[in-house]
Amino acid sequence: MTRLGESSMKVRELADKLELEVISGPFEKEINGVYIGDLLSNVMAKAAAGNLWITVHGHVNVVAVASLTQVAAVIVVEDFPIESAAVQKAQTNQVTILRTPLTAVDLLRKLIELGV
């Protein structure tokens, strides 16, 4: 098993393996790590391009931050709602949003098992 951040897995492969709900694409970005956070200013300061961003937020500002930081994908946990305006903006700006009923902790466990 590879260590966290050493994977060359693409978003599409991850979405398939974890049966994540696809909200918007593209899906061909490579994943190079994970950032978990709900405070947008922290995400802007600390998430790296290519990271998966795990959050409970599904509003339009998430798309702006995801675009700015160039994360590989946003994963909204615990089946939190995602605003239709956020979905539209994500599609326009080519931001990948996925959703799961898992908690952030349970999702992270699965990501570690996959070597992401």
C-alpha atoms as a PDB file:
ATOM      1  CA  MET A   1       0.000   0.000   0.000  1.00  0.00           C
ATOM      2  CA  THR A   2       1.258   3.487  -0.831  1.00  0.00           C
ATOM      3  CA  ARG A   3       1.305   6.225   1.764  1.00  0.00           C
ATOM      4  CA  LEU A   4      -1.130   9.118   1.888  1.00  0.00           C
ATOM      5  CA  GLY A   5      -0.406  11.488  -0.980  1.00  0.00           C
ATOM      6  CA  GLU A   6       1.623   9.024  -3.065  1.00  0.00           C
ATOM      7  CA  SER A   7      -1.239   7.803  -5.229  1.00  0.00           C
ATOM      8  CA  SER A   8      -1.571   8.463  -8.929  1.00  0.00           C
ATOM      9  CA  MET A   9      -5.277   7.675  -8.861  1.00  0.00           C
ATOM     10  CA  LYS A  10      -7.628   9.799 -10.958  1.00  0.00           C
ATOM     11  CA  VAL A  11     -10.896  11.240  -9.710  1.00  0.00           C
ATOM     12  CA  ARG A  12     -13.008   8.984 -11.955  1.00  0.00           C
ATOM     13  CA  GLU A  13     -11.355   5.832 -10.573  1.00  0.00           C
ATOM     14  CA  LEU A  14     -11.867   7.015  -7.001  1.00  0.00           C
ATOM     15  CA  ALA A  15     -15.525   7.885  -7.620  1.00  0.00           C
ATOM     16  CA  ASP A  16     -16.102   4.417  -9.047  1.00  0.00           C
ATOM     17  CA  LYS A  17     -14.270   2.574  -6.263  1.00  0.00           C
ATOM     18  CA  LEU A  18     -16.059   4.428  -3.468  1.00  0.00           C
ATOM     19  CA  GLU A  19     -19.409   4.673  -5.272  1.00  0.00           C
ATOM     20  CA  LEU A  20     -19.467   8.441  -4.851  1.00  0.00           C
ATOM     21  CA  GLU A  21     -22.408  10.378  -6.232  1.00  0.00           C
ATOM     22  CA  VAL A  22     -21.276  12.492  -9.168  1.00  0.00           C
ATOM     23  CA  ILE A  23     -22.618  16.047  -9.084  1.00  0.00           C
ATOM     24  CA  SER A  24     -20.327  17.658 -11.677  1.00  0.00           C
ATOM     25  CA  GLY A  25     -17.153  16.855 -13.612  1.00  0.00           C
ATOM     26  CA  PRO A  26     -14.467  16.700 -15.178  1.00  0.00           C
ATOM     27  CA  PHE A  27     -13.001  13.542 -13.726  1.00  0.00           C
ATOM     28  CA  GLU A  28      -9.543  13.064 -15.221  1.00  0.00           C
ATOM     29  CA  LYS A  29      -7.514  15.038 -12.689  1.00  0.00           C
ATOM     30  CA  GLU A  30      -4.933  13.126 -10.697  1.00  0.00           C
ATOM     31  CA  ILE A  31      -5.227  13.109  -6.927  1.00  0.00           C
ATOM     32  CA  ASN A  32      -2.119  14.007  -4.938  1.00  0.00           C
ATOM     33  CA  GLY A  33      -3.432  14.300  -1.389  1.00  0.00           C
ATOM     34  CA  VAL A  34      -6.356  15.237   0.819  1.00  0.00           C
ATOM     35  CA  TYR A  35      -7.445  18.364   2.642  1.00  0.00           C
ATOM     36  CA  ILE A  36     -10.344  18.270   5.115  1.00  0.00           C
ATOM     37  CA  GLY A  37     -11.866  21.557   6.152  1.00  0.00           C
ATOM     38  CA  ASP A  38     -14.972  23.686   6.292  1.00  0.00           C
ATOM     39  CA  LEU A  39     -13.441  27.097   6.942  1.00  0.00           C
ATOM     40  CA  LEU A  40     -13.009  28.525   3.456  1.00  0.00           C
ATOM     41  CA  SER A  41     -10.118  30.822   4.362  1.00  0.00           C
ATOM     42  CA  ASN A  42      -8.139  27.830   5.678  1.00  0.00           C
ATOM     43  CA  VAL A  43      -8.868  25.859   2.516  1.00  0.00           C
ATOM     44  CA  MET A  44      -7.644  28.776   0.398  1.00  0.00           C
ATOM     45  CA  ALA A  45      -4.448  28.983   2.451  1.00  0.00           C
ATOM     46  CA  LYS A  46      -3.663  25.296   2.852  1.00  0.00           C
ATOM     47  CA  ALA A  47      -5.278  23.073   0.208  1.00  0.00           C
ATOM     48  CA  ALA A  48      -2.915  22.232  -2.636  1.00  0.00           C
ATOM     49  CA  ALA A  49      -3.658  21.859  -6.308  1.00  0.00           C
ATOM     50  CA  GLY A  50      -4.606  18.250  -6.962  1.00  0.00           C
ATOM     51  CA  ASN A  51      -5.904  17.589  -3.443  1.00  0.00           C
ATOM     52  CA  LEU A  52      -9.287  16.122  -2.684  1.00  0.00           C
ATOM     53  CA  TRP A  53     -11.162  18.639  -0.569  1.00  0.00           C
ATOM     54  CA  ILE A  54     -13.533  17.047   1.936  1.00  0.00           C
ATOM     55  CA  THR A  55     -16.218  19.349   3.363  1.00  0.00           C
ATOM     56  CA  VAL A  56     -19.842  19.582   4.485  1.00  0.00           C
ATOM     57  CA  HIS A  57     -20.439  22.735   2.438  1.00  0.00           C
ATOM     58  CA  GLY A  58     -22.382  22.700  -0.794  1.00  0.00           C
ATOM     59  CA  HIS A  59     -22.790  26.394  -1.550  1.00  0.00           C
ATOM     60  CA  VAL A  60     -21.528  28.473  -4.434  1.00  0.00           C
ATOM     61  CA  ASN A  61     -18.491  29.800  -2.521  1.00  0.00           C
ATOM     62  CA  VAL A  62     -17.115  26.252  -2.395  1.00  0.00           C
ATOM     63  CA  VAL A  63     -16.872  26.286  -6.180  1.00  0.00           C
ATOM     64  CA  ALA A  64     -14.983  29.583  -6.119  1.00  0.00           C
ATOM     65  CA  VAL A  65     -12.485  28.241  -3.569  1.00  0.00           C
ATOM     66  CA  ALA A  66     -12.119  24.941  -5.432  1.00  0.00           C
ATOM     67  CA  SER A  67     -11.415  26.808  -8.646  1.00  0.00           C
ATOM     68  CA  LEU A  68      -8.926  29.128  -6.950  1.00  0.00           C
ATOM     69  CA  THR A  69      -7.012  26.313  -5.248  1.00  0.00           C
ATOM     70  CA  GLN A  70      -7.290  23.951  -8.240  1.00  0.00           C
ATOM     71  CA  VAL A  71      -8.235  20.972  -6.097  1.00  0.00           C
ATOM     72  CA  ALA A  72      -8.847  17.735  -7.997  1.00  0.00           C
ATOM     73  CA  ALA A  73     -12.362  17.414  -6.559  1.00  0.00           C
ATOM     74  CA  VAL A  74     -14.640  18.523  -3.768  1.00  0.00           C
ATOM     75  CA  ILE A  75     -16.300  15.709  -1.834  1.00  0.00           C
ATOM     76  CA  VAL A  76     -19.335  16.740   0.185  1.00  0.00           C
ATOM     77  CA  VAL A  77     -19.794  14.312   3.075  1.00  0.00           C
ATOM     78  CA  GLU A  78     -22.815  13.191   5.112  1.00  0.00           C
ATOM     79  CA  ASP A  79     -25.111  13.754   2.120  1.00  0.00           C
ATOM     80  CA  PHE A  80     -25.224  17.469   2.855  1.00  0.00           C
ATOM     81  CA  PRO A  81     -27.256  19.367   0.260  1.00  0.00           C
ATOM     82  CA  ILE A  82     -25.568  21.075  -2.669  1.00  0.00           C
ATOM     83  CA  GLU A  83     -27.181  24.260  -3.949  1.00  0.00           C
ATOM     84  CA  SER A  84     -28.306  24.254  -7.574  1.00  0.00           C
ATOM     85  CA  ALA A  85     -26.387  27.513  -8.109  1.00  0.00           C
ATOM     86  CA  ALA A  86     -23.236  25.728  -6.927  1.00  0.00           C
ATOM     87  CA  VAL A  87     -23.834  22.876  -9.369  1.00  0.00           C
ATOM     88  CA  GLN A  88     -24.322  25.306 -12.253  1.00  0.00           C
ATOM     89  CA  LYS A  89     -21.189  27.256 -11.345  1.00  0.00           C
ATOM     90  CA  ALA A  90     -19.202  24.021 -10.974  1.00  0.00           C
ATOM     91  CA  GLN A  91     -20.256  22.892 -14.442  1.00  0.00           C
ATOM     92  CA  THR A  92     -19.352  26.278 -15.933  1.00  0.00           C
ATOM     93  CA  ASN A  93     -15.975  26.369 -14.179  1.00  0.00           C
ATOM     94  CA  GLN A  94     -15.065  22.697 -14.672  1.00  0.00           C
ATOM     95  CA  VAL A  95     -15.018  21.955 -10.933  1.00  0.00           C
ATOM     96  CA  THR A  96     -15.630  18.361  -9.874  1.00  0.00           C
ATOM     97  CA  ILE A  97     -18.093  17.864  -7.033  1.00  0.00           C
ATOM     98  CA  LEU A  98     -18.854  14.443  -5.565  1.00  0.00           C
ATOM     99  CA  ARG A  99     -21.051  13.465  -2.614  1.00  0.00           C
ATOM    100  CA  THR A 100     -21.175  10.603  -0.133  1.00  0.00           C
ATOM    101  CA  PRO A 101     -23.262   9.626   2.887  1.00  0.00           C
ATOM    102  CA  LEU A 102     -20.025   8.799   4.738  1.00  0.00           C
ATOM    103  CA  THR A 103     -18.640  11.025   7.475  1.00  0.00           C
ATOM    104  CA  ALA A 104     -15.323  12.754   6.822  1.00  0.00           C
ATOM    105  CA  VAL A 105     -13.579  10.292   9.149  1.00  0.00           C
ATOM    106  CA  ASP A 106     -15.044   7.219   7.459  1.00  0.00           C
ATOM    107  CA  LEU A 107     -14.226   8.617   4.021  1.00  0.00           C
ATOM    108  CA  LEU A 108     -10.647   9.322   5.093  1.00  0.00           C
ATOM    109  CA  ARG A 109     -10.302   5.732   6.348  1.00  0.00           C
ATOM    110  CA  LYS A 110     -11.381   4.464   2.934  1.00  0.00           C
ATOM    111  CA  LEU A 111      -9.002   6.848   1.167  1.00  0.00           C
ATOM    112  CA  ILE A 112      -6.113   5.600   3.297  1.00  0.00           C
ATOM    113  CA  GLU A 113      -7.052   1.988   2.503  1.00  0.00           C
ATOM    114  CA  LEU A 114      -6.888   2.896  -1.205  1.00  0.00           C
ATOM    115  CA  GLY A 115      -3.511   4.562  -0.754  1.00  0.00           C
ATOM    116  CA  VAL A 116      -4.710   8.030  -1.660  1.00  0.00           C
END
